[in-house]
Amino acid sequence: MTREKQRGVAVITALLVVAVAAGAAAWMLAQQSATLNQAALVAARAQVDLYADAGLDWARGVLAEDGRKSAIDSLNETWARPLVGLPVERALVSGSITDAQSRYNLNNLVKDGARSDADVQLARRLFDSLGLEPALVDAVVDWIDTDSDPTGNAGAEDSYYLSLPRPYRTANRPLMQLEELYRVRGFDARRIERLKPFVSTLPARTTVNVNTASAEVLSALLPGIGAEEIRALVASRGAKPIVDRQDLAKRIPNAPASAISTDLDVKTTHFLVAVSVAQDDVRASAEALVSRPGTGSGPSTAIIWRRPLY
């Protein structure tokens, strides 16, 4: 090999070495950049989660303060006003508190492990007014109650669920969250979405707050009361909240006495709290069910469950 060819080979070899080294350096820089970006996202997510925790603590503080000051709960109180776009350092925090007892508690369908006939009739009226099959209520009863006897033709116990392609058993306990209805016979996404604004799944037997309930829920609770009278009640409570059961009886003289004494109240012990946080490219949202059983000078709050929404 001539000296000129040797020099050419050496030059090409040197260029190849430089190219490989440059490629390796570029790859390492890219990996380092990706690692740094990932670390930044992890840190931002941790910060966002802390802000969400703070938002939940804010809601609990608002509810505790309201419990100390007010003997009733209504939609014109501080807790009912949403927190919209509050800037916190580089983040934007928003949140809302919803009265979970403005909705009918599906767990009321079963009392002491057995079907509550009065609540079944109430729920059937509500389902029917929402354009849903009233017989769906039977399947919910069977999901919650402790026996193994199907309720009516639409009910379902273990014998039904164990025959499915992917078998499972009935819960035989109260519903924890509304999405559990996806496992109950007859329910699908359309039916559950239709129900969401009007029903809840609270861990204890609860009344409905007449100051916050929708006209649909109140109509189911007050059979025999016309739609016009229900709308008038909803309009009047905005200007002057109902202060007690006696006040409600005066405003609707024809209301069933059992509904006023058993199903309705003016005070709430369960609230749904939603918190959303946005910081840089990170978004997070969480929902929690908060109880406030205490009254008087020092009401306490407790988180029953909490879940991320996205």
C-alpha atoms as a PDB file:
ATOM      1  CA  MET A   1       0.000   0.000   0.000  1.00  0.00           C
ATOM      2  CA  THR A   2       1.395   3.384  -0.959  1.00  0.00           C
ATOM      3  CA  ARG A   3       2.011   6.100   1.551  1.00  0.00           C
ATOM      4  CA  GLU A   4      -0.787   8.228   0.023  1.00  0.00           C
ATOM      5  CA  LYS A   5      -3.299   5.384   0.436  1.00  0.00           C
ATOM      6  CA  GLN A   6      -2.198   4.875   4.014  1.00  0.00           C
ATOM      7  CA  ARG A   7      -2.774   8.531   4.762  1.00  0.00           C
ATOM      8  CA  GLY A   8      -6.257   8.330   3.130  1.00  0.00           C
ATOM      9  CA  VAL A   9      -7.180   5.324   5.239  1.00  0.00           C
ATOM     10  CA  ALA A  10      -5.958   7.097   8.359  1.00  0.00           C
ATOM     11  CA  VAL A  11      -8.052  10.175   7.537  1.00  0.00           C
ATOM     12  CA  ILE A  12     -11.159   8.074   6.931  1.00  0.00           C
ATOM     13  CA  THR A  13     -10.557   6.150  10.152  1.00  0.00           C
ATOM     14  CA  ALA A  14     -10.154   9.401  12.064  1.00  0.00           C
ATOM     15  CA  LEU A  15     -13.386  10.753  10.575  1.00  0.00           C
ATOM     16  CA  LEU A  16     -15.229   7.578  11.536  1.00  0.00           C
ATOM     17  CA  VAL A  17     -13.891   7.787  15.079  1.00  0.00           C
ATOM     18  CA  VAL A  18     -14.987  11.435  15.316  1.00  0.00           C
ATOM     19  CA  ALA A  19     -18.434  10.596  13.929  1.00  0.00           C
ATOM     20  CA  VAL A  20     -18.922   7.737  16.377  1.00  0.00           C
ATOM     21  CA  ALA A  21     -17.747   9.898  19.263  1.00  0.00           C
ATOM     22  CA  ALA A  22     -20.046  12.746  18.219  1.00  0.00           C
ATOM     23  CA  GLY A  23     -22.977  10.360  17.895  1.00  0.00           C
ATOM     24  CA  ALA A  24     -22.285   8.889  21.320  1.00  0.00           C
ATOM     25  CA  ALA A  25     -22.010  12.370  22.836  1.00  0.00           C
ATOM     26  CA  ALA A  26     -25.267  13.450  21.195  1.00  0.00           C
ATOM     27  CA  TRP A  27     -27.011  10.317  22.475  1.00  0.00           C
ATOM     28  CA  MET A  28     -25.717  10.887  25.998  1.00  0.00           C
ATOM     29  CA  LEU A  29     -26.833  14.529  25.900  1.00  0.00           C
ATOM     30  CA  ALA A  30     -30.277  13.480  24.685  1.00  0.00           C
ATOM     31  CA  GLN A  31     -30.528  10.897  27.471  1.00  0.00           C
ATOM     32  CA  GLN A  32     -29.408  13.451  30.020  1.00  0.00           C
ATOM     33  CA  SER A  33     -31.947  15.969  28.704  1.00  0.00           C
ATOM     34  CA  ALA A  34     -34.735  13.365  28.866  1.00  0.00           C
ATOM     35  CA  THR A  35     -33.708  12.424  32.394  1.00  0.00           C
ATOM     36  CA  LEU A  36     -33.726  16.076  33.457  1.00  0.00           C
ATOM     37  CA  ASN A  37     -37.136  16.639  31.853  1.00  0.00           C
ATOM     38  CA  GLN A  38     -38.492  13.563  33.561  1.00  0.00           C
ATOM     39  CA  ALA A  39     -37.108  14.702  36.892  1.00  0.00           C
ATOM     40  CA  ALA A  40     -38.671  18.127  36.359  1.00  0.00           C
ATOM     41  CA  LEU A  41     -42.045  16.556  35.565  1.00  0.00           C
ATOM     42  CA  VAL A  42     -41.840  14.318  38.642  1.00  0.00           C
ATOM     43  CA  ALA A  43     -41.009  17.331  40.803  1.00  0.00           C
ATOM     44  CA  ALA A  44     -43.823  19.357  39.229  1.00  0.00           C
ATOM     45  CA  ARG A  45     -46.267  16.498  39.789  1.00  0.00           C
ATOM     46  CA  ALA A  46     -45.239  16.237  43.426  1.00  0.00           C
ATOM     47  CA  GLN A  47     -45.766  19.986  43.793  1.00  0.00           C
ATOM     48  CA  VAL A  48     -49.174  19.753  42.120  1.00  0.00           C
ATOM     49  CA  ASP A  49     -50.198  16.930  44.485  1.00  0.00           C
ATOM     50  CA  LEU A  50     -49.224  19.101  47.434  1.00  0.00           C
ATOM     51  CA  TYR A  51     -51.372  21.939  46.097  1.00  0.00           C
ATOM     52  CA  ALA A  52     -54.268  19.487  45.681  1.00  0.00           C
ATOM     53  CA  ASP A  53     -53.816  18.412  49.305  1.00  0.00           C
ATOM     54  CA  ALA A  54     -53.848  22.074  50.312  1.00  0.00           C
ATOM     55  CA  GLY A  55     -57.035  22.615  48.293  1.00  0.00           C
ATOM     56  CA  LEU A  56     -58.688  19.728  50.096  1.00  0.00           C
ATOM     57  CA  ASP A  57     -57.569  21.133  53.453  1.00  0.00           C
ATOM     58  CA  TRP A  58     -59.009  24.491  52.395  1.00  0.00           C
ATOM     59  CA  ALA A  59     -62.372  22.853  51.706  1.00  0.00           C
ATOM     60  CA  ARG A  60     -62.356  21.048  55.042  1.00  0.00           C
ATOM     61  CA  GLY A  61     -61.593  24.326  56.802  1.00  0.00           C
ATOM     62  CA  VAL A  62     -64.457  26.080  55.013  1.00  0.00           C
ATOM     63  CA  LEU A  63     -66.863  23.298  56.008  1.00  0.00           C
ATOM     64  CA  ALA A  64     -65.680  23.267  59.612  1.00  0.00           C
ATOM     65  CA  GLU A  65     -66.071  27.039  59.878  1.00  0.00           C
ATOM     66  CA  ASP A  66     -69.534  26.881  58.348  1.00  0.00           C
ATOM     67  CA  GLY A  67     -70.524  24.169  60.817  1.00  0.00           C
ATOM     68  CA  ARG A  68     -69.553  26.418  63.699  1.00  0.00           C
ATOM     69  CA  LYS A  69     -71.476  29.417  62.397  1.00  0.00           C
ATOM     70  CA  SER A  70     -74.605  28.040  60.765  1.00  0.00           C
ATOM     71  CA  ALA A  71     -77.388  25.719  61.876  1.00  0.00           C
ATOM     72  CA  ILE A  72     -78.457  25.051  58.278  1.00  0.00           C
ATOM     73  CA  ASP A  73     -76.777  24.410  54.925  1.00  0.00           C
ATOM     74  CA  SER A  74     -77.974  26.231  51.820  1.00  0.00           C
ATOM     75  CA  LEU A  75     -76.682  27.224  48.388  1.00  0.00           C
ATOM     76  CA  ASN A  76     -76.119  30.862  49.358  1.00  0.00           C
ATOM     77  CA  GLU A  77     -73.441  30.026  51.926  1.00  0.00           C
ATOM     78  CA  THR A  78     -69.679  30.384  51.478  1.00  0.00           C
ATOM     79  CA  TRP A  79     -68.999  26.676  50.983  1.00  0.00           C
ATOM     80  CA  ALA A  80     -71.274  26.598  47.918  1.00  0.00           C
ATOM     81  CA  ARG A  81     -69.229  29.224  46.041  1.00  0.00           C
ATOM     82  CA  PRO A  82     -66.606  27.651  43.762  1.00  0.00           C
ATOM     83  CA  LEU A  83     -62.940  28.585  43.996  1.00  0.00           C
ATOM     84  CA  VAL A  84     -62.099  29.663  40.445  1.00  0.00           C
ATOM     85  CA  GLY A  85     -58.520  30.056  39.227  1.00  0.00           C
ATOM     86  CA  LEU A  86     -56.648  31.007  42.406  1.00  0.00           C
ATOM     87  CA  PRO A  87     -52.966  31.621  41.527  1.00  0.00           C
ATOM     88  CA  VAL A  88     -50.517  29.989  43.952  1.00  0.00           C
ATOM     89  CA  GLU A  89     -46.897  30.657  42.946  1.00  0.00           C
ATOM     90  CA  ARG A  90     -46.664  29.085  39.445  1.00  0.00           C
ATOM     91  CA  ALA A  91     -49.835  27.024  39.827  1.00  0.00           C
ATOM     92  CA  LEU A  92     -53.512  27.726  39.279  1.00  0.00           C
ATOM     93  CA  VAL A  93     -55.840  26.068  41.790  1.00  0.00           C
ATOM     94  CA  SER A  94     -59.596  25.711  41.453  1.00  0.00           C
ATOM     95  CA  GLY A  95     -62.127  23.760  43.471  1.00  0.00           C
ATOM     96  CA  SER A  96     -65.735  23.293  44.467  1.00  0.00           C
ATOM     97  CA  ILE A  97     -67.810  21.811  47.261  1.00  0.00           C
ATOM     98  CA  THR A  98     -71.059  20.010  46.495  1.00  0.00           C
ATOM     99  CA  ASP A  99     -73.661  18.949  49.003  1.00  0.00           C
ATOM    100  CA  ALA A 100     -73.707  15.154  48.682  1.00  0.00           C
ATOM    101  CA  GLN A 101     -77.044  15.151  50.498  1.00  0.00           C
ATOM    102  CA  SER A 102     -78.655  17.220  47.798  1.00  0.00           C
ATOM    103  CA  ARG A 103     -78.976  13.799  46.128  1.00  0.00           C
ATOM    104  CA  TYR A 104     -80.824  10.646  47.080  1.00  0.00           C
ATOM    105  CA  ASN A 105     -78.592   8.132  48.859  1.00  0.00           C
ATOM    106  CA  LEU A 106     -78.959   4.764  47.109  1.00  0.00           C
ATOM    107  CA  ASN A 107     -77.728   2.988  50.231  1.00  0.00           C
ATOM    108  CA  ASN A 108     -80.972   4.026  51.925  1.00  0.00           C
ATOM    109  CA  LEU A 109     -82.651   1.281  49.874  1.00  0.00           C
ATOM    110  CA  VAL A 110     -81.509  -1.239  52.470  1.00  0.00           C
ATOM    111  CA  LYS A 111     -82.024  -0.765  56.197  1.00  0.00           C
ATOM    112  CA  ASP A 112     -80.487  -3.143  58.735  1.00  0.00           C
ATOM    113  CA  GLY A 113     -79.572  -5.536  55.920  1.00  0.00           C
ATOM    114  CA  ALA A 114     -83.107  -5.764  54.502  1.00  0.00           C
ATOM    115  CA  ARG A 115     -85.054  -3.957  51.801  1.00  0.00           C
ATOM    116  CA  SER A 116     -86.697  -0.649  52.822  1.00  0.00           C
ATOM    117  CA  ASP A 117     -90.039  -0.617  50.986  1.00  0.00           C
ATOM    118  CA  ALA A 118     -90.608   3.110  51.446  1.00  0.00           C
ATOM    119  CA  ASP A 119     -87.199   3.913  49.962  1.00  0.00           C
ATOM    120  CA  VAL A 120     -87.731   1.495  47.083  1.00  0.00           C
ATOM    121  CA  GLN A 121     -90.914   3.338  46.129  1.00  0.00           C
ATOM    122  CA  LEU A 122     -89.110   6.671  46.441  1.00  0.00           C
ATOM    123  CA  ALA A 123     -86.225   5.523  44.231  1.00  0.00           C
ATOM    124  CA  ARG A 124     -88.651   4.070  41.682  1.00  0.00           C
ATOM    125  CA  ARG A 125     -90.342   7.465  41.382  1.00  0.00           C
ATOM    126  CA  LEU A 126     -86.978   9.161  40.900  1.00  0.00           C
ATOM    127  CA  PHE A 127     -85.793   6.649  38.287  1.00  0.00           C
ATOM    128  CA  ASP A 128     -89.053   6.944  36.398  1.00  0.00           C
ATOM    129  CA  SER A 129     -88.893  10.761  36.349  1.00  0.00           C
ATOM    130  CA  LEU A 130     -85.369  10.526  34.885  1.00  0.00           C
ATOM    131  CA  GLY A 131     -86.493   8.235  32.072  1.00  0.00           C
ATOM    132  CA  LEU A 132     -84.933   5.119  33.605  1.00  0.00           C
ATOM    133  CA  GLU A 133     -86.560   1.771  34.229  1.00  0.00           C
ATOM    134  CA  PRO A 134     -87.931   1.715  37.813  1.00  0.00           C
ATOM    135  CA  ALA A 135     -87.171  -2.022  37.950  1.00  0.00           C
ATOM    136  CA  LEU A 136     -83.438  -1.175  38.043  1.00  0.00           C
ATOM    137  CA  VAL A 137     -83.976  -0.340  41.713  1.00  0.00           C
ATOM    138  CA  ASP A 138     -84.523  -4.039  42.442  1.00  0.00           C
ATOM    139  CA  ALA A 139     -81.061  -4.909  41.147  1.00  0.00           C
ATOM    140  CA  VAL A 140     -79.516  -2.250  43.390  1.00  0.00           C
ATOM    141  CA  VAL A 141     -81.374  -3.645  46.408  1.00  0.00           C
ATOM    142  CA  ASP A 142     -80.055  -7.149  45.709  1.00  0.00           C
ATOM    143  CA  TRP A 143     -76.511  -5.813  45.296  1.00  0.00           C
ATOM    144  CA  ILE A 144     -76.657  -4.213  48.755  1.00  0.00           C
ATOM    145  CA  ASP A 145     -78.827  -6.501  50.874  1.00  0.00           C
ATOM    146  CA  THR A 146     -77.453  -9.511  52.730  1.00  0.00           C
ATOM    147  CA  ASP A 147     -79.817 -12.220  51.518  1.00  0.00           C
ATOM    148  CA  SER A 148     -79.612 -14.428  48.415  1.00  0.00           C
ATOM    149  CA  ASP A 149     -83.188 -14.021  47.196  1.00  0.00           C
ATOM    150  CA  PRO A 150     -83.611 -12.018  43.964  1.00  0.00           C
ATOM    151  CA  THR A 151     -86.026  -9.084  44.179  1.00  0.00           C
ATOM    152  CA  GLY A 152     -88.582  -9.306  41.373  1.00  0.00           C
ATOM    153  CA  ASN A 153     -87.797 -10.164  37.758  1.00  0.00           C
ATOM    154  CA  ALA A 154     -85.124  -7.480  37.434  1.00  0.00           C
ATOM    155  CA  GLY A 155     -83.266  -8.352  40.637  1.00  0.00           C
ATOM    156  CA  ALA A 156     -80.004 -10.286  40.635  1.00  0.00           C
ATOM    157  CA  GLU A 157     -78.120 -12.239  43.255  1.00  0.00           C
ATOM    158  CA  ASP A 158     -75.057 -14.530  43.047  1.00  0.00           C
ATOM    159  CA  SER A 159     -76.896 -17.032  40.852  1.00  0.00           C
ATOM    160  CA  TYR A 160     -77.114 -14.401  38.100  1.00  0.00           C
ATOM    161  CA  TYR A 161     -73.644 -12.888  38.397  1.00  0.00           C
ATOM    162  CA  LEU A 162     -71.891 -16.260  38.655  1.00  0.00           C
ATOM    163  CA  SER A 163     -73.439 -17.257  35.326  1.00  0.00           C
ATOM    164  CA  LEU A 164     -71.797 -14.367  33.451  1.00  0.00           C
ATOM    165  CA  PRO A 165     -68.787 -14.980  31.145  1.00  0.00           C
ATOM    166  CA  ARG A 166     -66.645 -13.283  33.801  1.00  0.00           C
ATOM    167  CA  PRO A 167     -68.381 -14.352  37.001  1.00  0.00           C
ATOM    168  CA  TYR A 168     -68.363 -12.471  40.285  1.00  0.00           C
ATOM    169  CA  ARG A 169     -70.545 -12.222  43.385  1.00  0.00           C
ATOM    170  CA  THR A 170     -72.824  -9.536  44.739  1.00  0.00           C
ATOM    171  CA  ALA A 171     -71.246  -7.100  47.179  1.00  0.00           C
ATOM    172  CA  ASN A 172     -73.830  -7.639  49.969  1.00  0.00           C
ATOM    173  CA  ARG A 173     -72.783  -4.304  51.443  1.00  0.00           C
ATOM    174  CA  PRO A 174     -73.490  -0.601  50.808  1.00  0.00           C
ATOM    175  CA  LEU A 175     -72.248   0.950  47.575  1.00  0.00           C
ATOM    176  CA  MET A 176     -68.909   2.702  48.045  1.00  0.00           C
ATOM    177  CA  GLN A 177     -68.960   4.853  44.907  1.00  0.00           C
ATOM    178  CA  LEU A 178     -71.509   5.382  42.165  1.00  0.00           C
ATOM    179  CA  GLU A 179     -69.302   3.735  39.529  1.00  0.00           C
ATOM    180  CA  GLU A 180     -69.862   0.426  41.309  1.00  0.00           C
ATOM    181  CA  LEU A 181     -73.207   0.359  39.501  1.00  0.00           C
ATOM    182  CA  TYR A 182     -71.330  -0.760  36.384  1.00  0.00           C
ATOM    183  CA  ARG A 183     -71.246  -4.185  38.032  1.00  0.00           C
ATOM    184  CA  VAL A 184     -74.971  -4.203  38.809  1.00  0.00           C
ATOM    185  CA  ARG A 185     -77.425  -5.853  36.445  1.00  0.00           C
ATOM    186  CA  GLY A 186     -79.076  -3.487  33.963  1.00  0.00           C
ATOM    187  CA  PHE A 187     -76.756  -0.502  34.406  1.00  0.00           C
ATOM    188  CA  ASP A 188     -74.568   0.955  31.666  1.00  0.00           C
ATOM    189  CA  ALA A 189     -72.725   4.215  31.021  1.00  0.00           C
ATOM    190  CA  ARG A 190     -75.816   6.039  29.749  1.00  0.00           C
ATOM    191  CA  ARG A 191     -77.937   5.135  32.761  1.00  0.00           C
ATOM    192  CA  ILE A 192     -75.211   5.936  35.262  1.00  0.00           C
ATOM    193  CA  GLU A 193     -74.476   9.316  33.672  1.00  0.00           C
ATOM    194  CA  ARG A 194     -78.177  10.108  33.834  1.00  0.00           C
ATOM    195  CA  LEU A 195     -78.266   9.257  37.533  1.00  0.00           C
ATOM    196  CA  LYS A 196     -75.086  11.040  38.610  1.00  0.00           C
ATOM    197  CA  PRO A 197     -76.549  14.493  39.355  1.00  0.00           C
ATOM    198  CA  PHE A 198     -79.372  13.028  41.426  1.00  0.00           C
ATOM    199  CA  VAL A 199     -78.060  10.107  43.509  1.00  0.00           C
ATOM    200  CA  SER A 200     -75.202   9.468  45.907  1.00  0.00           C
ATOM    201  CA  THR A 201     -73.656   6.493  47.699  1.00  0.00           C
ATOM    202  CA  LEU A 202     -73.032   7.609  51.265  1.00  0.00           C
ATOM    203  CA  PRO A 203     -71.768   5.254  53.993  1.00  0.00           C
ATOM    204  CA  ALA A 204     -74.585   5.952  56.448  1.00  0.00           C
ATOM    205  CA  ARG A 205     -78.325   6.347  56.163  1.00  0.00           C
ATOM    206  CA  THR A 206     -78.896  10.014  55.325  1.00  0.00           C
ATOM    207  CA  THR A 207     -81.650  12.526  54.755  1.00  0.00           C
ATOM    208  CA  VAL A 208     -81.880  14.880  51.768  1.00  0.00           C
ATOM    209  CA  ASN A 209     -81.193  18.556  52.349  1.00  0.00           C
ATOM    210  CA  VAL A 210     -84.288  20.422  51.189  1.00  0.00           C
ATOM    211  CA  ASN A 211     -82.245  23.626  50.761  1.00  0.00           C
ATOM    212  CA  THR A 212     -79.917  22.114  48.147  1.00  0.00           C
ATOM    213  CA  ALA A 213     -81.824  19.257  46.476  1.00  0.00           C
ATOM    214  CA  SER A 214     -82.893  19.492  42.840  1.00  0.00           C
ATOM    215  CA  ALA A 215     -86.528  19.688  41.799  1.00  0.00           C
ATOM    216  CA  GLU A 216     -86.296  16.115  40.489  1.00  0.00           C
ATOM    217  CA  VAL A 217     -85.188  14.732  43.846  1.00  0.00           C
ATOM    218  CA  LEU A 218     -87.728  16.787  45.777  1.00  0.00           C
ATOM    219  CA  SER A 219     -90.534  15.574  43.516  1.00  0.00           C
ATOM    220  CA  ALA A 220     -89.587  11.963  44.269  1.00  0.00           C
ATOM    221  CA  LEU A 221     -89.494  12.709  47.996  1.00  0.00           C
ATOM    222  CA  LEU A 222     -92.788  14.614  48.013  1.00  0.00           C
ATOM    223  CA  PRO A 223     -95.314  12.525  46.054  1.00  0.00           C
ATOM    224  CA  GLY A 224     -98.566  14.293  45.366  1.00  0.00           C
ATOM    225  CA  ILE A 225     -96.941  17.735  45.284  1.00  0.00           C
ATOM    226  CA  GLY A 226     -97.213  19.307  41.845  1.00  0.00           C
ATOM    227  CA  ALA A 227     -94.248  20.373  39.732  1.00  0.00           C
ATOM    228  CA  GLU A 228     -95.272  24.026  39.960  1.00  0.00           C
ATOM    229  CA  GLU A 229     -95.293  23.925  43.758  1.00  0.00           C
ATOM    230  CA  ILE A 230     -91.884  22.213  43.778  1.00  0.00           C
ATOM    231  CA  ARG A 231     -90.457  24.900  41.478  1.00  0.00           C
ATOM    232  CA  ALA A 232     -91.886  27.608  43.737  1.00  0.00           C
ATOM    233  CA  LEU A 233     -90.213  25.992  46.746  1.00  0.00           C
ATOM    234  CA  VAL A 234     -86.849  25.853  44.938  1.00  0.00           C
ATOM    235  CA  ALA A 235     -87.181  29.524  43.972  1.00  0.00           C
ATOM    236  CA  SER A 236     -88.199  30.682  47.453  1.00  0.00           C
ATOM    237  CA  ARG A 237     -85.360  28.922  49.283  1.00  0.00           C
ATOM    238  CA  GLY A 238     -82.837  30.922  47.228  1.00  0.00           C
ATOM    239  CA  ALA A 239     -84.052  34.151  48.779  1.00  0.00           C
ATOM    240  CA  LYS A 240     -84.922  32.673  52.160  1.00  0.00           C
ATOM    241  CA  PRO A 241     -83.506  29.239  53.055  1.00  0.00           C
ATOM    242  CA  ILE A 242     -85.728  26.816  54.935  1.00  0.00           C
ATOM    243  CA  VAL A 243     -84.675  26.913  58.582  1.00  0.00           C
ATOM    244  CA  ASP A 244     -86.257  23.698  59.930  1.00  0.00           C
ATOM    245  CA  ARG A 245     -88.880  21.025  59.275  1.00  0.00           C
ATOM    246  CA  GLN A 246     -91.641  23.199  60.689  1.00  0.00           C
ATOM    247  CA  ASP A 247     -90.764  25.913  58.189  1.00  0.00           C
ATOM    248  CA  LEU A 248     -90.916  23.349  55.378  1.00  0.00           C
ATOM    249  CA  ALA A 249     -94.341  22.161  56.530  1.00  0.00           C
ATOM    250  CA  LYS A 250     -95.598  25.761  56.418  1.00  0.00           C
ATOM    251  CA  ARG A 251     -94.261  26.295  52.894  1.00  0.00           C
ATOM    252  CA  ILE A 252     -95.757  23.033  51.595  1.00  0.00           C
ATOM    253  CA  PRO A 253     -98.815  22.305  53.764  1.00  0.00           C
ATOM    254  CA  ASN A 254     -99.791  19.251  51.698  1.00  0.00           C
ATOM    255  CA  ALA A 255     -96.394  17.554  52.007  1.00  0.00           C
ATOM    256  CA  PRO A 256     -96.464  14.007  53.411  1.00  0.00           C
ATOM    257  CA  ALA A 257     -95.645  14.125  57.111  1.00  0.00           C
ATOM    258  CA  SER A 258     -93.379  11.075  56.836  1.00  0.00           C
ATOM    259  CA  ALA A 259     -91.265  12.761  54.180  1.00  0.00           C
ATOM    260  CA  ILE A 260     -90.766  15.856  56.317  1.00  0.00           C
ATOM    261  CA  SER A 261     -89.994  13.940  59.497  1.00  0.00           C
ATOM    262  CA  THR A 262     -87.867  11.155  57.997  1.00  0.00           C
ATOM    263  CA  ASP A 263     -86.507  11.944  54.540  1.00  0.00           C
ATOM    264  CA  LEU A 264     -85.792  15.670  54.575  1.00  0.00           C
ATOM    265  CA  ASP A 265     -83.617  17.993  56.669  1.00  0.00           C
ATOM    266  CA  VAL A 266     -81.892  21.373  56.453  1.00  0.00           C
ATOM    267  CA  LYS A 267     -78.433  20.275  57.627  1.00  0.00           C
ATOM    268  CA  THR A 268     -75.807  18.237  55.771  1.00  0.00           C
ATOM    269  CA  THR A 269     -73.092  15.907  57.047  1.00  0.00           C
ATOM    270  CA  HIS A 270     -71.527  14.734  53.735  1.00  0.00           C
ATOM    271  CA  PHE A 271     -69.937  16.828  51.006  1.00  0.00           C
ATOM    272  CA  LEU A 272     -68.130  16.116  47.733  1.00  0.00           C
ATOM    273  CA  VAL A 273     -64.967  18.170  47.217  1.00  0.00           C
ATOM    274  CA  ALA A 274     -63.324  18.542  43.793  1.00  0.00           C
ATOM    275  CA  VAL A 275     -59.881  20.153  43.382  1.00  0.00           C
ATOM    276  CA  SER A 276     -58.001  20.872  40.127  1.00  0.00           C
ATOM    277  CA  VAL A 277     -54.409  22.123  39.857  1.00  0.00           C
ATOM    278  CA  ALA A 278     -52.472  23.270  36.777  1.00  0.00           C
ATOM    279  CA  GLN A 279     -48.747  24.043  36.879  1.00  0.00           C
ATOM    280  CA  ASP A 280     -46.649  24.371  33.715  1.00  0.00           C
ATOM    281  CA  ASP A 281     -47.461  21.267  31.654  1.00  0.00           C
ATOM    282  CA  VAL A 282     -48.804  19.262  34.603  1.00  0.00           C
ATOM    283  CA  ARG A 283     -52.515  18.953  35.307  1.00  0.00           C
ATOM    284  CA  ALA A 284     -54.120  17.042  38.172  1.00  0.00           C
ATOM    285  CA  SER A 285     -57.595  16.745  39.595  1.00  0.00           C
ATOM    286  CA  ALA A 286     -58.908  14.914  42.649  1.00  0.00           C
ATOM    287  CA  GLU A 287     -62.255  14.253  44.275  1.00  0.00           C
ATOM    288  CA  ALA A 288     -63.011  13.413  47.893  1.00  0.00           C
ATOM    289  CA  LEU A 289     -66.015  12.620  50.034  1.00  0.00           C
ATOM    290  CA  VAL A 290     -65.813  14.584  53.286  1.00  0.00           C
ATOM    291  CA  SER A 291     -67.977  14.026  56.332  1.00  0.00           C
ATOM    292  CA  ARG A 292     -68.777  16.675  58.898  1.00  0.00           C
ATOM    293  CA  PRO A 293     -70.723  14.943  61.657  1.00  0.00           C
ATOM    294  CA  GLY A 294     -69.910  17.444  64.387  1.00  0.00           C
ATOM    295  CA  THR A 295     -72.072  20.420  65.293  1.00  0.00           C
ATOM    296  CA  GLY A 296     -71.807  23.351  67.597  1.00  0.00           C
ATOM    297  CA  SER A 297     -68.536  24.982  68.618  1.00  0.00           C
ATOM    298  CA  GLY A 298     -66.117  22.458  67.161  1.00  0.00           C
ATOM    299  CA  PRO A 299     -67.420  20.389  64.212  1.00  0.00           C
ATOM    300  CA  SER A 300     -64.829  18.008  62.815  1.00  0.00           C
ATOM    301  CA  THR A 301     -64.301  16.858  59.246  1.00  0.00           C
ATOM    302  CA  ALA A 302     -62.962  13.563  57.950  1.00  0.00           C
ATOM    303  CA  ILE A 303     -62.094  12.224  54.504  1.00  0.00           C
ATOM    304  CA  ILE A 304     -64.101   9.065  53.790  1.00  0.00           C
ATOM    305  CA  TRP A 305     -62.443   8.424  50.436  1.00  0.00           C
ATOM    306  CA  ARG A 306     -60.307  10.239  47.928  1.00  0.00           C
ATOM    307  CA  ARG A 307     -59.506   9.446  44.301  1.00  0.00           C
ATOM    308  CA  PRO A 308     -57.673  11.093  41.383  1.00  0.00           C
ATOM    309  CA  LEU A 309     -59.833  12.122  38.446  1.00  0.00           C
ATOM    310  CA  TYR A 310     -56.939  12.494  35.959  1.00  0.00           C
END
